[in-house]
Amino acid sequence: MNRQPPTANRKPPHGLVVVISGPSGVGKSTIAHAIEQRLGAVFSVSMTTRPRSPKDREGIDYHFVDEPRFHRAIDEGELLEWARVFNHHYGTPKKNVETRIAQGHIVILEIDVQGAIQTREHFPDALMMFILPPTVEVLLDRLRKRGRESEDAIQRRYLEHQREIELAKTCGVYDEFLVNDDLNATIEKAIAMVQQRIHPV
């Protein structure tokens, strides 16, 4: 009799798209990487027109392209979803996601609400979670502690995040809203949600 390997190490038979959204500084990247490490998930590498920083790795962090190449990708239907965020374009190459799903992988998309809405149209069975801060004041404090932007820029980003949270709550595409008031507990909840979707009881 053949024995099945432990469920934590088994890939779903048809793959699973996991969308993780949330405002900057809410902890979504940490949660996404925990899912990657614990469940053997893979990240979808986005295409972007934003300038490449010294720390960025081409093909690992992003696929860096110019504006004409990005618009060609839109016109030729190469992107699963795309959006313009803070004066730069970001998009998810469709072919790579479809290939990984066909191979049975869990594919993580860390994208905004507009991208999630577009992705739901292509993958109606995707698992979509939105990460919320305990309070909006905590979010503002986290943005300031990052020390990356002026106060004016922080306030603009803060207002944009408030609009994104409101859209997330009203658009109807998210399966779960996780309040990240305890990072370890939120990670465990997110992992449990993925496991439940892959191996329902």
Protein backbone atom coordinates (compact mmCIF):
# COMPACT_ATOMS: atom_id res chain seq x y z
CA MET A 1 0.00 0.00 0.00
CA ASN A 2 1.40 3.41 -1.00
CA ARG A 3 1.66 5.91 1.80
CA GLN A 4 1.01 9.58 1.07
CA PRO A 5 3.61 12.10 2.30
CA PRO A 6 2.60 14.53 5.07
CA THR A 7 0.03 17.04 3.86
CA ALA A 8 2.32 20.00 4.64
CA ASN A 9 4.72 18.75 1.96
CA ARG A 10 2.14 17.87 -0.67
CA LYS A 11 1.26 20.25 -3.49
CA PRO A 12 -2.41 20.76 -4.30
CA PRO A 13 -3.45 18.74 -7.36
CA HIS A 14 -4.37 21.81 -9.38
CA GLY A 15 -2.39 24.51 -7.63
CA LEU A 16 -3.71 27.52 -5.72
CA VAL A 17 -3.40 31.26 -6.19
CA VAL A 18 -3.03 33.09 -2.86
CA VAL A 19 -3.52 36.85 -2.99
CA ILE A 20 -2.21 38.92 -0.08
CA SER A 21 -3.07 42.62 0.03
CA GLY A 22 -2.78 45.37 2.58
CA PRO A 23 -1.30 48.82 3.16
CA SER A 24 2.45 49.42 3.40
CA GLY A 25 3.92 48.58 6.77
CA VAL A 26 1.14 46.20 7.79
CA GLY A 27 3.33 43.08 7.66
CA LYS A 28 2.01 41.43 4.51
CA SER A 29 5.47 40.63 3.10
CA THR A 30 6.50 38.89 6.33
CA ILE A 31 3.28 36.86 6.27
CA ALA A 32 3.76 35.98 2.60
CA HIS A 33 7.32 34.79 3.18
CA ALA A 34 6.16 32.65 6.11
CA ILE A 35 3.65 30.92 3.82
CA GLU A 36 6.43 30.45 1.26
CA GLN A 37 8.77 28.83 3.78
CA ARG A 38 6.24 26.69 5.62
CA LEU A 39 4.19 25.44 2.68
CA GLY A 40 6.70 25.50 -0.17
CA ALA A 41 4.82 28.25 -1.99
CA VAL A 42 6.36 30.34 -4.77
CA PHE A 43 6.12 34.05 -5.43
CA SER A 44 4.89 35.54 -8.66
CA VAL A 45 7.52 38.08 -9.77
CA SER A 46 5.87 41.32 -10.87
CA MET A 47 6.81 43.48 -13.82
CA THR A 48 7.41 47.14 -12.99
CA THR A 49 8.46 50.43 -14.53
CA ARG A 50 9.85 51.82 -11.30
CA PRO A 51 13.61 52.43 -11.18
CA ARG A 52 15.73 49.55 -9.97
CA SER A 53 17.42 50.20 -6.62
CA PRO A 54 20.90 48.89 -5.74
CA LYS A 55 19.30 46.16 -3.60
CA ASP A 56 16.84 44.99 -6.27
CA ARG A 57 17.51 41.70 -8.07
CA GLU A 58 16.23 41.41 -11.62
CA GLY A 59 13.91 38.43 -12.04
CA ILE A 60 13.80 37.82 -8.29
CA ASP A 61 12.37 41.02 -6.80
CA TYR A 62 10.87 42.36 -10.05
CA HIS A 63 11.16 42.27 -13.80
CA PHE A 64 12.27 45.84 -14.55
CA VAL A 65 11.03 47.25 -17.86
CA ASP A 66 10.48 50.65 -19.49
CA GLU A 67 7.08 52.20 -20.18
CA PRO A 68 6.84 51.07 -23.86
CA ARG A 69 7.57 47.44 -22.89
CA PHE A 70 4.97 47.55 -20.10
CA HIS A 71 2.29 48.97 -22.39
CA ARG A 72 3.11 46.31 -24.97
CA ALA A 73 2.56 43.67 -22.29
CA ILE A 74 -0.87 45.19 -21.58
CA ASP A 75 -1.81 45.36 -25.24
CA GLU A 76 -0.72 41.78 -25.93
CA GLY A 77 -2.57 40.35 -22.92
CA GLU A 78 0.55 39.22 -21.10
CA LEU A 79 -0.56 40.50 -17.69
CA LEU A 80 -2.93 38.88 -15.26
CA GLU A 81 -3.43 42.23 -13.55
CA TRP A 82 -1.79 45.62 -13.57
CA ALA A 83 -2.07 49.00 -11.90
CA ARG A 84 -0.38 52.38 -11.70
CA VAL A 85 0.83 53.03 -8.17
CA PHE A 86 2.63 56.23 -7.11
CA ASN A 87 3.54 57.10 -10.72
CA HIS A 88 4.88 53.67 -11.68
CA HIS A 89 3.25 50.65 -13.30
CA TYR A 90 3.16 47.21 -11.70
CA GLY A 91 1.76 44.03 -13.21
CA THR A 92 1.69 40.25 -12.84
CA PRO A 93 2.85 38.20 -15.87
CA LYS A 94 0.04 35.75 -16.61
CA LYS A 95 2.01 32.91 -18.23
CA ASN A 96 4.24 32.24 -15.23
CA VAL A 97 1.28 32.04 -12.83
CA GLU A 98 -0.64 29.70 -15.13
CA THR A 99 2.40 27.43 -15.56
CA ARG A 100 3.03 27.22 -11.82
CA ILE A 101 -0.62 26.50 -11.09
CA ALA A 102 -0.66 23.73 -13.70
CA GLN A 103 2.35 22.21 -11.92
CA GLY A 104 0.41 22.15 -8.65
CA HIS A 105 2.20 24.99 -6.88
CA ILE A 106 0.84 27.48 -4.37
CA VAL A 107 1.50 30.83 -6.04
CA ILE A 108 1.57 33.98 -3.90
CA LEU A 109 0.57 37.33 -5.40
CA GLU A 110 1.31 40.31 -3.17
CA ILE A 111 -0.81 42.91 -4.94
CA ASP A 112 -3.18 45.82 -4.33
CA VAL A 113 -6.96 45.77 -4.29
CA GLN A 114 -7.38 46.69 -7.96
CA GLY A 115 -5.07 43.82 -8.88
CA ALA A 116 -7.01 41.46 -6.63
CA ILE A 117 -10.26 42.37 -8.37
CA GLN A 118 -8.70 41.61 -11.76
CA THR A 119 -7.15 38.37 -10.49
CA ARG A 120 -10.48 37.12 -9.12
CA GLU A 121 -11.87 37.28 -12.67
CA HIS A 122 -9.11 34.95 -13.94
CA PHE A 123 -8.93 32.70 -10.86
CA PRO A 124 -12.36 32.55 -9.17
CA ASP A 125 -11.08 29.89 -6.75
CA ALA A 126 -8.13 31.98 -5.55
CA LEU A 127 -7.70 32.49 -1.80
CA MET A 128 -7.66 36.20 -1.07
CA MET A 129 -6.73 37.79 2.23
CA PHE A 130 -6.37 41.42 3.23
CA ILE A 131 -4.07 42.33 6.11
CA LEU A 132 -5.29 45.15 8.34
CA PRO A 133 -3.42 47.16 11.01
CA PRO A 134 -4.88 47.07 14.54
CA THR A 135 -5.84 50.75 14.09
CA VAL A 136 -5.22 53.42 11.47
CA GLU A 137 -3.08 55.23 14.04
CA VAL A 138 -0.78 52.21 14.24
CA LEU A 139 -0.48 52.27 10.45
CA LEU A 140 0.53 55.93 10.47
CA ASP A 141 3.09 55.26 13.21
CA ARG A 142 4.59 52.36 11.21
CA LEU A 143 4.94 54.53 8.12
CA ARG A 144 6.81 57.16 10.13
CA LYS A 145 9.12 54.61 11.76
CA ARG A 146 10.24 53.36 8.34
CA GLY A 147 11.95 56.73 7.88
CA ARG A 148 11.78 56.59 4.10
CA GLU A 149 9.62 59.62 3.28
CA SER A 150 8.81 63.18 4.25
CA GLU A 151 5.80 63.87 6.47
CA ASP A 152 3.85 65.20 3.48
CA ALA A 153 4.55 62.00 1.54
CA ILE A 154 3.58 59.91 4.56
CA GLN A 155 0.26 61.74 4.88
CA ARG A 156 -0.49 61.21 1.17
CA ARG A 157 0.33 57.52 1.45
CA TYR A 158 -1.74 57.27 4.64
CA LEU A 159 -4.81 58.73 2.89
CA GLU A 160 -4.29 56.41 -0.05
CA HIS A 161 -4.10 53.42 2.31
CA GLN A 162 -7.36 54.48 3.98
CA ARG A 163 -9.04 54.55 0.56
CA GLU A 164 -7.58 51.14 -0.27
CA ILE A 165 -8.87 49.63 2.98
CA GLU A 166 -12.35 51.00 2.28
CA LEU A 167 -12.29 49.60 -1.26
CA ALA A 168 -11.10 46.23 0.03
CA LYS A 169 -14.02 46.06 2.45
CA THR A 170 -16.62 46.95 -0.16
CA CYS A 171 -15.40 45.24 -3.36
CA GLY A 172 -16.43 41.74 -2.26
CA VAL A 173 -13.41 39.77 -3.51
CA TYR A 174 -11.60 39.04 -0.24
CA ASP A 175 -12.20 35.80 1.64
CA GLU A 176 -10.74 37.01 4.91
CA PHE A 177 -9.60 40.18 6.67
CA LEU A 178 -6.78 39.49 9.15
CA VAL A 179 -6.01 42.14 11.76
CA ASN A 180 -2.26 42.00 12.37
CA ASP A 181 -2.14 42.87 16.06
CA ASP A 182 0.08 39.84 16.79
CA LEU A 183 2.37 38.90 13.89
CA ASN A 184 2.96 35.28 14.88
CA ALA A 185 -0.74 34.66 15.44
CA THR A 186 -1.61 36.30 12.12
CA ILE A 187 0.96 34.12 10.32
CA GLU A 188 -0.56 30.99 11.83
CA LYS A 189 -4.07 32.07 10.78
CA ALA A 190 -2.92 32.78 7.23
CA ILE A 191 -1.13 29.42 6.95
CA ALA A 192 -4.17 27.60 8.34
CA MET A 193 -6.37 29.26 5.72
CA VAL A 194 -4.10 28.07 2.90
CA GLN A 195 -3.90 24.54 4.33
CA GLN A 196 -7.69 24.38 4.68
CA ARG A 197 -8.13 25.41 1.05
CA ILE A 198 -5.59 22.86 -0.17
CA HIS A 199 -6.69 19.98 2.01
CA PRO A 200 -10.27 20.60 3.14
CA VAL A 201 -11.46 18.32 5.94
